[in-house]
Amino acid sequence: MIFRQEVDMPIFYEGVVVGRRRIDLLVENNIPVELKALATLENEHLAQAINNLETHRFAIGLLINFGAKNLQFRRVINNKIDT
C-alpha cells in the first residue's frame, strides 16, 4: 500500500489554481484521510472532509479521530461525482 503524509495539493476553480491545501494522508493517490485528535467529531469536521473531496475531486475519503475515548471514524463520499 502506498501512502504519503502532509501532501500539498493545488486547489482548482474553473480550471485555474487558486490556492493550495495540505491533506494529512493520501492513500494510493486517491483516498484522502483527514486526521483529528478531538474529544468528539463535530459537523464542521465532517464538512471539512467533504470540502477536501470536492475541492480535489476525490470520490471517497476517511475522517479519523484519535482523541475520543474510542476511535471515531467516518467514510466520506463526494456526491458531486460518480463513484
PDB file of N, CA and C in Angstrom:
ATOM      1  N   MET A   1       0.841  -1.181   0.000  1.00  0.00           N
ATOM      2  CA  MET A   1       0.000   0.000   0.000  1.00  0.00           C
ATOM      3  C   MET A   1       0.885   1.242   0.000  1.00  0.00           C
ATOM      4  N   ILE A   2       0.553   2.176  -0.852  1.00  0.00           N
ATOM      5  CA  ILE A   2       1.308   3.415  -0.967  1.00  0.00           C
ATOM      6  C   ILE A   2       0.534   4.531  -0.268  1.00  0.00           C
ATOM      7  N   PHE A   3       1.224   5.286   0.592  1.00  0.00           N
ATOM      8  CA  PHE A   3       0.597   6.457   1.194  1.00  0.00           C
ATOM      9  C   PHE A   3       1.648   7.540   1.382  1.00  0.00           C
ATOM     10  N   ARG A   4       1.153   8.780   1.383  1.00  0.00           N
ATOM     11  CA  ARG A   4       2.019   9.933   1.602  1.00  0.00           C
ATOM     12  C   ARG A   4       1.431  10.790   2.703  1.00  0.00           C
ATOM     13  N   GLN A   5       2.295  11.429   3.486  1.00  0.00           N
ATOM     14  CA  GLN A   5       1.863  12.289   4.582  1.00  0.00           C
ATOM     15  C   GLN A   5       2.001  13.755   4.201  1.00  0.00           C
ATOM     16  N   GLU A   6       1.107  14.593   4.763  1.00  0.00           N
ATOM     17  CA  GLU A   6       1.170  16.040   4.571  1.00  0.00           C
ATOM     18  C   GLU A   6       1.362  16.407   3.101  1.00  0.00           C
ATOM     19  N   VAL A   7       0.425  15.972   2.278  1.00  0.00           N
ATOM     20  CA  VAL A   7       0.513  16.178   0.830  1.00  0.00           C
ATOM     21  C   VAL A   7      -0.026  17.566   0.475  1.00  0.00           C
ATOM     22  N   ASP A   8       0.802  18.376  -0.139  1.00  0.00           N
ATOM     23  CA  ASP A   8       0.414  19.712  -0.568  1.00  0.00           C
ATOM     24  C   ASP A   8      -0.284  19.598  -1.922  1.00  0.00           C
ATOM     25  N   MET A   9      -1.556  19.985  -1.976  1.00  0.00           N
ATOM     26  CA  MET A   9      -2.370  19.809  -3.183  1.00  0.00           C
ATOM     27  C   MET A   9      -2.865  21.165  -3.691  1.00  0.00           C
ATOM     28  N   PRO A  10      -2.891  21.351  -5.022  1.00  0.00           N
ATOM     29  CA  PRO A  10      -3.454  22.590  -5.566  1.00  0.00           C
ATOM     30  C   PRO A  10      -4.979  22.591  -5.454  1.00  0.00           C
ATOM     31  N   ILE A  11      -5.544  23.777  -5.323  1.00  0.00           N
ATOM     32  CA  ILE A  11      -6.998  23.958  -5.316  1.00  0.00           C
ATOM     33  C   ILE A  11      -7.369  24.621  -6.635  1.00  0.00           C
ATOM     34  N   PHE A  12      -8.280  23.983  -7.371  1.00  0.00           N
ATOM     35  CA  PHE A  12      -8.702  24.496  -8.670  1.00  0.00           C
ATOM     36  C   PHE A  12     -10.096  25.103  -8.590  1.00  0.00           C
ATOM     37  N   TYR A  13     -10.291  26.176  -9.335  1.00  0.00           N
ATOM     38  CA  TYR A  13     -11.626  26.750  -9.530  1.00  0.00           C
ATOM     39  C   TYR A  13     -11.737  27.079 -11.002  1.00  0.00           C
ATOM     40  N   GLU A  14     -12.674  26.425 -11.676  1.00  0.00           N
ATOM     41  CA  GLU A  14     -12.873  26.592 -13.111  1.00  0.00           C
ATOM     42  C   GLU A  14     -11.563  26.400 -13.871  1.00  0.00           C
ATOM     43  N   GLY A  15     -10.797  25.377 -13.468  1.00  0.00           N
ATOM     44  CA  GLY A  15      -9.577  25.023 -14.170  1.00  0.00           C
ATOM     45  C   GLY A  15      -8.353  25.852 -13.832  1.00  0.00           C
ATOM     46  N   VAL A  16      -8.475  26.804 -12.913  1.00  0.00           N
ATOM     47  CA  VAL A  16      -7.361  27.669 -12.539  1.00  0.00           C
ATOM     48  C   VAL A  16      -6.965  27.381 -11.090  1.00  0.00           C
ATOM     49  N   VAL A  17      -5.663  27.292 -10.827  1.00  0.00           N
ATOM     50  CA  VAL A  17      -5.196  27.094  -9.454  1.00  0.00           C
ATOM     51  C   VAL A  17      -5.408  28.391  -8.678  1.00  0.00           C
ATOM     52  N   VAL A  18      -6.177  28.303  -7.587  1.00  0.00           N
ATOM     53  CA  VAL A  18      -6.491  29.481  -6.779  1.00  0.00           C
ATOM     54  C   VAL A  18      -5.889  29.409  -5.384  1.00  0.00           C
ATOM     55  N   GLY A  19      -5.228  28.317  -5.079  1.00  0.00           N
ATOM     56  CA  GLY A  19      -4.609  28.175  -3.767  1.00  0.00           C
ATOM     57  C   GLY A  19      -4.059  26.772  -3.594  1.00  0.00           C
ATOM     58  N   ARG A  20      -3.672  26.474  -2.360  1.00  0.00           N
ATOM     59  CA  ARG A  20      -3.132  25.160  -2.042  1.00  0.00           C
ATOM     60  C   ARG A  20      -3.693  24.741  -0.681  1.00  0.00           C
ATOM     61  N   ARG A  21      -3.781  23.438  -0.476  1.00  0.00           N
ATOM     62  CA  ARG A  21      -4.249  22.894   0.794  1.00  0.00           C
ATOM     63  C   ARG A  21      -3.490  21.607   1.067  1.00  0.00           C
ATOM     64  N   ARG A  22      -3.187  21.377   2.324  1.00  0.00           N
ATOM     65  CA  ARG A  22      -2.447  20.182   2.721  1.00  0.00           C
ATOM     66  C   ARG A  22      -3.420  19.109   3.200  1.00  0.00           C
ATOM     67  N   ILE A  23      -3.229  17.899   2.705  1.00  0.00           N
ATOM     68  CA  ILE A  23      -4.024  16.739   3.115  1.00  0.00           C
ATOM     69  C   ILE A  23      -3.168  15.914   4.070  1.00  0.00           C
ATOM     70  N   ASP A  24      -3.741  15.489   5.201  1.00  0.00           N
ATOM     71  CA  ASP A  24      -2.982  14.759   6.219  1.00  0.00           C
ATOM     72  C   ASP A  24      -2.332  13.499   5.653  1.00  0.00           C
ATOM     73  N   LEU A  25      -3.128  12.645   5.042  1.00  0.00           N
ATOM     74  CA  LEU A  25      -2.628  11.420   4.417  1.00  0.00           C
ATOM     75  C   LEU A  25      -3.320  11.224   3.078  1.00  0.00           C
ATOM     76  N   LEU A  26      -2.599  10.697   2.117  1.00  0.00           N
ATOM     77  CA  LEU A  26      -3.184  10.347   0.830  1.00  0.00           C
ATOM     78  C   LEU A  26      -2.811   8.898   0.551  1.00  0.00           C
ATOM     79  N   VAL A  27      -3.821   8.031   0.506  1.00  0.00           N
ATOM     80  CA  VAL A  27      -3.615   6.595   0.330  1.00  0.00           C
ATOM     81  C   VAL A  27      -3.855   6.229  -1.132  1.00  0.00           C
ATOM     82  N   GLU A  28      -2.909   5.495  -1.703  1.00  0.00           N
ATOM     83  CA  GLU A  28      -2.995   5.031  -3.096  1.00  0.00           C
ATOM     84  C   GLU A  28      -3.299   6.173  -4.071  1.00  0.00           C
ATOM     85  N   ASN A  29      -2.880   7.376  -3.735  1.00  0.00           N
ATOM     86  CA  ASN A  29      -3.052   8.573  -4.558  1.00  0.00           C
ATOM     87  C   ASN A  29      -4.495   8.934  -4.871  1.00  0.00           C
ATOM     88  N   ASN A  30      -5.476   8.332  -4.177  1.00  0.00           N
ATOM     89  CA  ASN A  30      -6.870   8.721  -4.451  1.00  0.00           C
ATOM     90  C   ASN A  30      -7.806   8.631  -3.254  1.00  0.00           C
ATOM     91  N   ILE A  31      -7.289   8.383  -2.053  1.00  0.00           N
ATOM     92  CA  ILE A  31      -8.143   8.371  -0.858  1.00  0.00           C
ATOM     93  C   ILE A  31      -7.518   9.291   0.188  1.00  0.00           C
ATOM     94  N   PRO A  32      -8.060  10.498   0.348  1.00  0.00           N
ATOM     95  CA  PRO A  32      -7.539  11.402   1.366  1.00  0.00           C
ATOM     96  C   PRO A  32      -8.043  10.985   2.750  1.00  0.00           C
ATOM     97  N   VAL A  33      -7.165  11.131   3.744  1.00  0.00           N
ATOM     98  CA  VAL A  33      -7.514  10.808   5.125  1.00  0.00           C
ATOM     99  C   VAL A  33      -7.286  12.057   5.959  1.00  0.00           C
ATOM    100  N   GLU A  34      -8.348  12.510   6.623  1.00  0.00           N
ATOM    101  CA  GLU A  34      -8.289  13.674   7.499  1.00  0.00           C
ATOM    102  C   GLU A  34      -8.167  13.160   8.933  1.00  0.00           C
ATOM    103  N   LEU A  35      -7.095  13.531   9.623  1.00  0.00           N
ATOM    104  CA  LEU A  35      -6.841  13.065  10.985  1.00  0.00           C
ATOM    105  C   LEU A  35      -7.172  14.155  11.994  1.00  0.00           C
ATOM    106  N   LYS A  36      -7.812  13.755  13.091  1.00  0.00           N
ATOM    107  CA  LYS A  36      -8.171  14.669  14.168  1.00  0.00           C
ATOM    108  C   LYS A  36      -7.768  14.058  15.502  1.00  0.00           C
ATOM    109  N   ALA A  37      -7.607  14.910  16.513  1.00  0.00           N
ATOM    110  CA  ALA A  37      -7.355  14.473  17.886  1.00  0.00           C
ATOM    111  C   ALA A  37      -8.223  15.340  18.799  1.00  0.00           C
ATOM    112  N   LEU A  38      -9.522  15.058  18.800  1.00  0.00           N
ATOM    113  CA  LEU A  38     -10.520  15.869  19.492  1.00  0.00           C
ATOM    114  C   LEU A  38     -11.351  15.009  20.431  1.00  0.00           C
ATOM    115  N   ALA A  39     -12.024  15.642  21.381  1.00  0.00           N
ATOM    116  CA  ALA A  39     -12.903  14.900  22.288  1.00  0.00           C
ATOM    117  C   ALA A  39     -14.016  14.209  21.514  1.00  0.00           C
ATOM    118  N   THR A  40     -14.529  14.871  20.489  1.00  0.00           N
ATOM    119  CA  THR A  40     -15.562  14.271  19.638  1.00  0.00           C
ATOM    120  C   THR A  40     -15.577  14.965  18.285  1.00  0.00           C
ATOM    121  N   LEU A  41     -15.988  14.253  17.262  1.00  0.00           N
ATOM    122  CA  LEU A  41     -16.126  14.841  15.931  1.00  0.00           C
ATOM    123  C   LEU A  41     -17.398  15.672  15.878  1.00  0.00           C
ATOM    124  N   GLU A  42     -17.308  16.815  15.253  1.00  0.00           N
ATOM    125  CA  GLU A  42     -18.452  17.707  15.074  1.00  0.00           C
ATOM    126  C   GLU A  42     -18.774  17.808  13.588  1.00  0.00           C
ATOM    127  N   ASN A  43     -19.927  18.398  13.274  1.00  0.00           N
ATOM    128  CA  ASN A  43     -20.347  18.563  11.883  1.00  0.00           C
ATOM    129  C   ASN A  43     -19.338  19.376  11.073  1.00  0.00           C
ATOM    130  N   GLU A  44     -18.667  20.334  11.704  1.00  0.00           N
ATOM    131  CA  GLU A  44     -17.687  21.150  10.978  1.00  0.00           C
ATOM    132  C   GLU A  44     -16.497  20.318  10.503  1.00  0.00           C
ATOM    133  N   HIS A  45     -16.139  19.282  11.232  1.00  0.00           N
ATOM    134  CA  HIS A  45     -15.035  18.406  10.818  1.00  0.00           C
ATOM    135  C   HIS A  45     -15.454  17.545   9.624  1.00  0.00           C
ATOM    136  N   LEU A  46     -16.693  17.083   9.643  1.00  0.00           N
ATOM    137  CA  LEU A  46     -17.228  16.339   8.512  1.00  0.00           C
ATOM    138  C   LEU A  46     -17.307  17.245   7.277  1.00  0.00           C
ATOM    139  N   ALA A  47     -17.739  18.478   7.475  1.00  0.00           N
ATOM    140  CA  ALA A  47     -17.824  19.441   6.369  1.00  0.00           C
ATOM    141  C   ALA A  47     -16.441  19.701   5.774  1.00  0.00           C
ATOM    142  N   GLN A  48     -15.406  19.782   6.608  1.00  0.00           N
ATOM    143  CA  GLN A  48     -14.044  19.989   6.119  1.00  0.00           C
ATOM    144  C   GLN A  48     -13.593  18.802   5.270  1.00  0.00           C
ATOM    145  N   ALA A  49     -13.896  17.587   5.706  1.00  0.00           N
ATOM    146  CA  ALA A  49     -13.513  16.389   4.953  1.00  0.00           C
ATOM    147  C   ALA A  49     -14.239  16.343   3.607  1.00  0.00           C
ATOM    148  N   ILE A  50     -15.528  16.680   3.606  1.00  0.00           N
ATOM    149  CA  ILE A  50     -16.298  16.704   2.361  1.00  0.00           C
ATOM    150  C   ILE A  50     -15.751  17.778   1.426  1.00  0.00           C
ATOM    151  N   ASN A  51     -15.405  18.935   1.979  1.00  0.00           N
ATOM    152  CA  ASN A  51     -14.842  20.012   1.176  1.00  0.00           C
ATOM    153  C   ASN A  51     -13.533  19.584   0.524  1.00  0.00           C
ATOM    154  N   ASN A  52     -12.699  18.837   1.252  1.00  0.00           N
ATOM    155  CA  ASN A  52     -11.454  18.328   0.669  1.00  0.00           C
ATOM    156  C   ASN A  52     -11.741  17.424  -0.522  1.00  0.00           C
ATOM    157  N   LEU A  53     -12.746  16.570  -0.395  1.00  0.00           N
ATOM    158  CA  LEU A  53     -13.105  15.685  -1.507  1.00  0.00           C
ATOM    159  C   LEU A  53     -13.536  16.491  -2.725  1.00  0.00           C
ATOM    160  N   GLU A  54     -14.422  17.442  -2.508  1.00  0.00           N
ATOM    161  CA  GLU A  54     -14.958  18.236  -3.609  1.00  0.00           C
ATOM    162  C   GLU A  54     -13.888  19.107  -4.252  1.00  0.00           C
ATOM    163  N   THR A  55     -13.039  19.724  -3.438  1.00  0.00           N
ATOM    164  CA  THR A  55     -12.003  20.619  -3.941  1.00  0.00           C
ATOM    165  C   THR A  55     -11.002  19.894  -4.828  1.00  0.00           C
ATOM    166  N   HIS A  56     -10.668  18.659  -4.451  1.00  0.00           N
ATOM    167  CA  HIS A  56      -9.646  17.907  -5.174  1.00  0.00           C
ATOM    168  C   HIS A  56     -10.222  16.796  -6.035  1.00  0.00           C
ATOM    169  N   ARG A  57     -11.555  16.731  -6.112  1.00  0.00           N
ATOM    170  CA  ARG A  57     -12.272  15.764  -6.960  1.00  0.00           C
ATOM    171  C   ARG A  57     -11.959  14.305  -6.622  1.00  0.00           C
ATOM    172  N   PHE A  58     -11.890  14.011  -5.317  1.00  0.00           N
ATOM    173  CA  PHE A  58     -11.769  12.627  -4.865  1.00  0.00           C
ATOM    174  C   PHE A  58     -13.167  12.065  -4.667  1.00  0.00           C
ATOM    175  N   ALA A  59     -13.356  10.783  -4.921  1.00  0.00           N
ATOM    176  CA  ALA A  59     -14.672  10.149  -4.772  1.00  0.00           C
ATOM    177  C   ALA A  59     -14.981   9.798  -3.317  1.00  0.00           C
ATOM    178  N   ILE A  60     -13.992   9.255  -2.602  1.00  0.00           N
ATOM    179  CA  ILE A  60     -14.205   8.859  -1.206  1.00  0.00           C
ATOM    180  C   ILE A  60     -13.013   9.284  -0.357  1.00  0.00           C
ATOM    181  N   GLY A  61     -13.233   9.349   0.945  1.00  0.00           N
ATOM    182  CA  GLY A  61     -12.167   9.681   1.879  1.00  0.00           C
ATOM    183  C   GLY A  61     -12.512   9.158   3.262  1.00  0.00           C
ATOM    184  N   LEU A  62     -11.611   9.375   4.194  1.00  0.00           N
ATOM    185  CA  LEU A  62     -11.822   8.951   5.577  1.00  0.00           C
ATOM    186  C   LEU A  62     -11.577  10.122   6.513  1.00  0.00           C
ATOM    187  N   LEU A  63     -12.374  10.175   7.572  1.00  0.00           N
ATOM    188  CA  LEU A  63     -12.210  11.127   8.657  1.00  0.00           C
ATOM    189  C   LEU A  63     -11.995  10.295   9.910  1.00  0.00           C
ATOM    190  N   ILE A  64     -10.826  10.429  10.542  1.00  0.00           N
ATOM    191  CA  ILE A  64     -10.477   9.593  11.692  1.00  0.00           C
ATOM    192  C   ILE A  64     -10.120  10.492  12.874  1.00  0.00           C
ATOM    193  N   ASN A  65     -10.714  10.187  14.041  1.00  0.00           N
ATOM    194  CA  ASN A  65     -10.461  10.941  15.261  1.00  0.00           C
ATOM    195  C   ASN A  65      -9.846  10.017  16.313  1.00  0.00           C
ATOM    196  N   PHE A  66      -8.610  10.348  16.713  1.00  0.00           N
ATOM    197  CA  PHE A  66      -7.904   9.564  17.716  1.00  0.00           C
ATOM    198  C   PHE A  66      -8.050  10.130  19.122  1.00  0.00           C
ATOM    199  N   GLY A  67      -8.687  11.288  19.259  1.00  0.00           N
ATOM    200  CA  GLY A  67      -8.733  11.966  20.553  1.00  0.00           C
ATOM    201  C   GLY A  67      -9.878  11.555  21.459  1.00  0.00           C
ATOM    202  N   ALA A  68     -10.883  10.887  20.939  1.00  0.00           N
ATOM    203  CA  ALA A  68     -12.036  10.478  21.749  1.00  0.00           C
ATOM    204  C   ALA A  68     -11.679   9.247  22.584  1.00  0.00           C
ATOM    205  N   LYS A  69     -12.546   8.925  23.511  1.00  0.00           N
ATOM    206  CA  LYS A  69     -12.326   7.744  24.356  1.00  0.00           C
ATOM    207  C   LYS A  69     -12.177   6.488  23.499  1.00  0.00           C
ATOM    208  N   ASN A  70     -12.995   6.385  22.470  1.00  0.00           N
ATOM    209  CA  ASN A  70     -12.909   5.305  21.486  1.00  0.00           C
ATOM    210  C   ASN A  70     -12.606   5.912  20.122  1.00  0.00           C
ATOM    211  N   LEU A  71     -11.933   5.157  19.290  1.00  0.00           N
ATOM    212  CA  LEU A  71     -11.623   5.620  17.945  1.00  0.00           C
ATOM    213  C   LEU A  71     -12.911   5.950  17.194  1.00  0.00           C
ATOM    214  N   GLN A  72     -12.958   7.127  16.592  1.00  0.00           N
ATOM    215  CA  GLN A  72     -14.105   7.529  15.780  1.00  0.00           C
ATOM    216  C   GLN A  72     -13.642   7.628  14.336  1.00  0.00           C
ATOM    217  N   PHE A  73     -14.471   7.146  13.426  1.00  0.00           N
ATOM    218  CA  PHE A  73     -14.126   7.254  12.014  1.00  0.00           C
ATOM    219  C   PHE A  73     -15.395   7.330  11.184  1.00  0.00           C
ATOM    220  N   ARG A  74     -15.268   7.991  10.055  1.00  0.00           N
ATOM    221  CA  ARG A  74     -16.372   8.134   9.106  1.00  0.00           C
ATOM    222  C   ARG A  74     -15.828   7.969   7.708  1.00  0.00           C
ATOM    223  N   ARG A  75     -16.544   7.219   6.896  1.00  0.00           N
ATOM    224  CA  ARG A  75     -16.255   7.177   5.465  1.00  0.00           C
ATOM    225  C   ARG A  75     -17.000   8.356   4.862  1.00  0.00           C
ATOM    226  N   VAL A  76     -16.319   9.134   4.056  1.00  0.00           N
ATOM    227  CA  VAL A  76     -16.897  10.338   3.477  1.00  0.00           C
ATOM    228  C   VAL A  76     -16.989  10.134   1.963  1.00  0.00           C
ATOM    229  N   ILE A  77     -18.134  10.517   1.395  1.00  0.00           N
ATOM    230  CA  ILE A  77     -18.392  10.321  -0.030  1.00  0.00           C
ATOM    231  C   ILE A  77     -18.657  11.663  -0.685  1.00  0.00           C
ATOM    232  N   ASN A  78     -18.052  11.870  -1.842  1.00  0.00           N
ATOM    233  CA  ASN A  78     -18.294  13.064  -2.634  1.00  0.00           C
ATOM    234  C   ASN A  78     -19.494  12.790  -3.539  1.00  0.00           C
ATOM    235  N   ASN A  79     -20.613  13.388  -3.227  1.00  0.00           N
ATOM    236  CA  ASN A  79     -21.849  13.181  -4.006  1.00  0.00           C
ATOM    237  C   ASN A  79     -21.847  13.969  -5.319  1.00  0.00           C
ATOM    238  N   LYS A  80     -20.854  14.793  -5.542  1.00  0.00           N
ATOM    239  CA  LYS A  80     -20.821  15.621  -6.743  1.00  0.00           C
ATOM    240  C   LYS A  80     -20.146  14.930  -7.929  1.00  0.00           C
ATOM    241  N   ILE A  81     -19.580  13.742  -7.688  1.00  0.00           N
ATOM    242  CA  ILE A  81     -19.002  12.967  -8.796  1.00  0.00           C
ATOM    243  C   ILE A  81     -19.487  11.539  -8.703  1.00  0.00           C
ATOM    244  N   ASP A  82     -19.467  10.834  -9.831  1.00  0.00           N
ATOM    245  CA  ASP A  82     -19.880   9.433  -9.852  1.00  0.00           C
ATOM    246  C   ASP A  82     -18.775   8.559  -9.297  1.00  0.00           C
ATOM    247  N   THR A  83     -19.154   7.583  -8.448  1.00  0.00           N
ATOM    248  CA  THR A  83     -18.156   6.654  -7.891  1.00  0.00           C
ATOM    249  C   THR A  83     -18.172   5.349  -8.630  1.00  0.00           C
TER     250      THR A  83
END
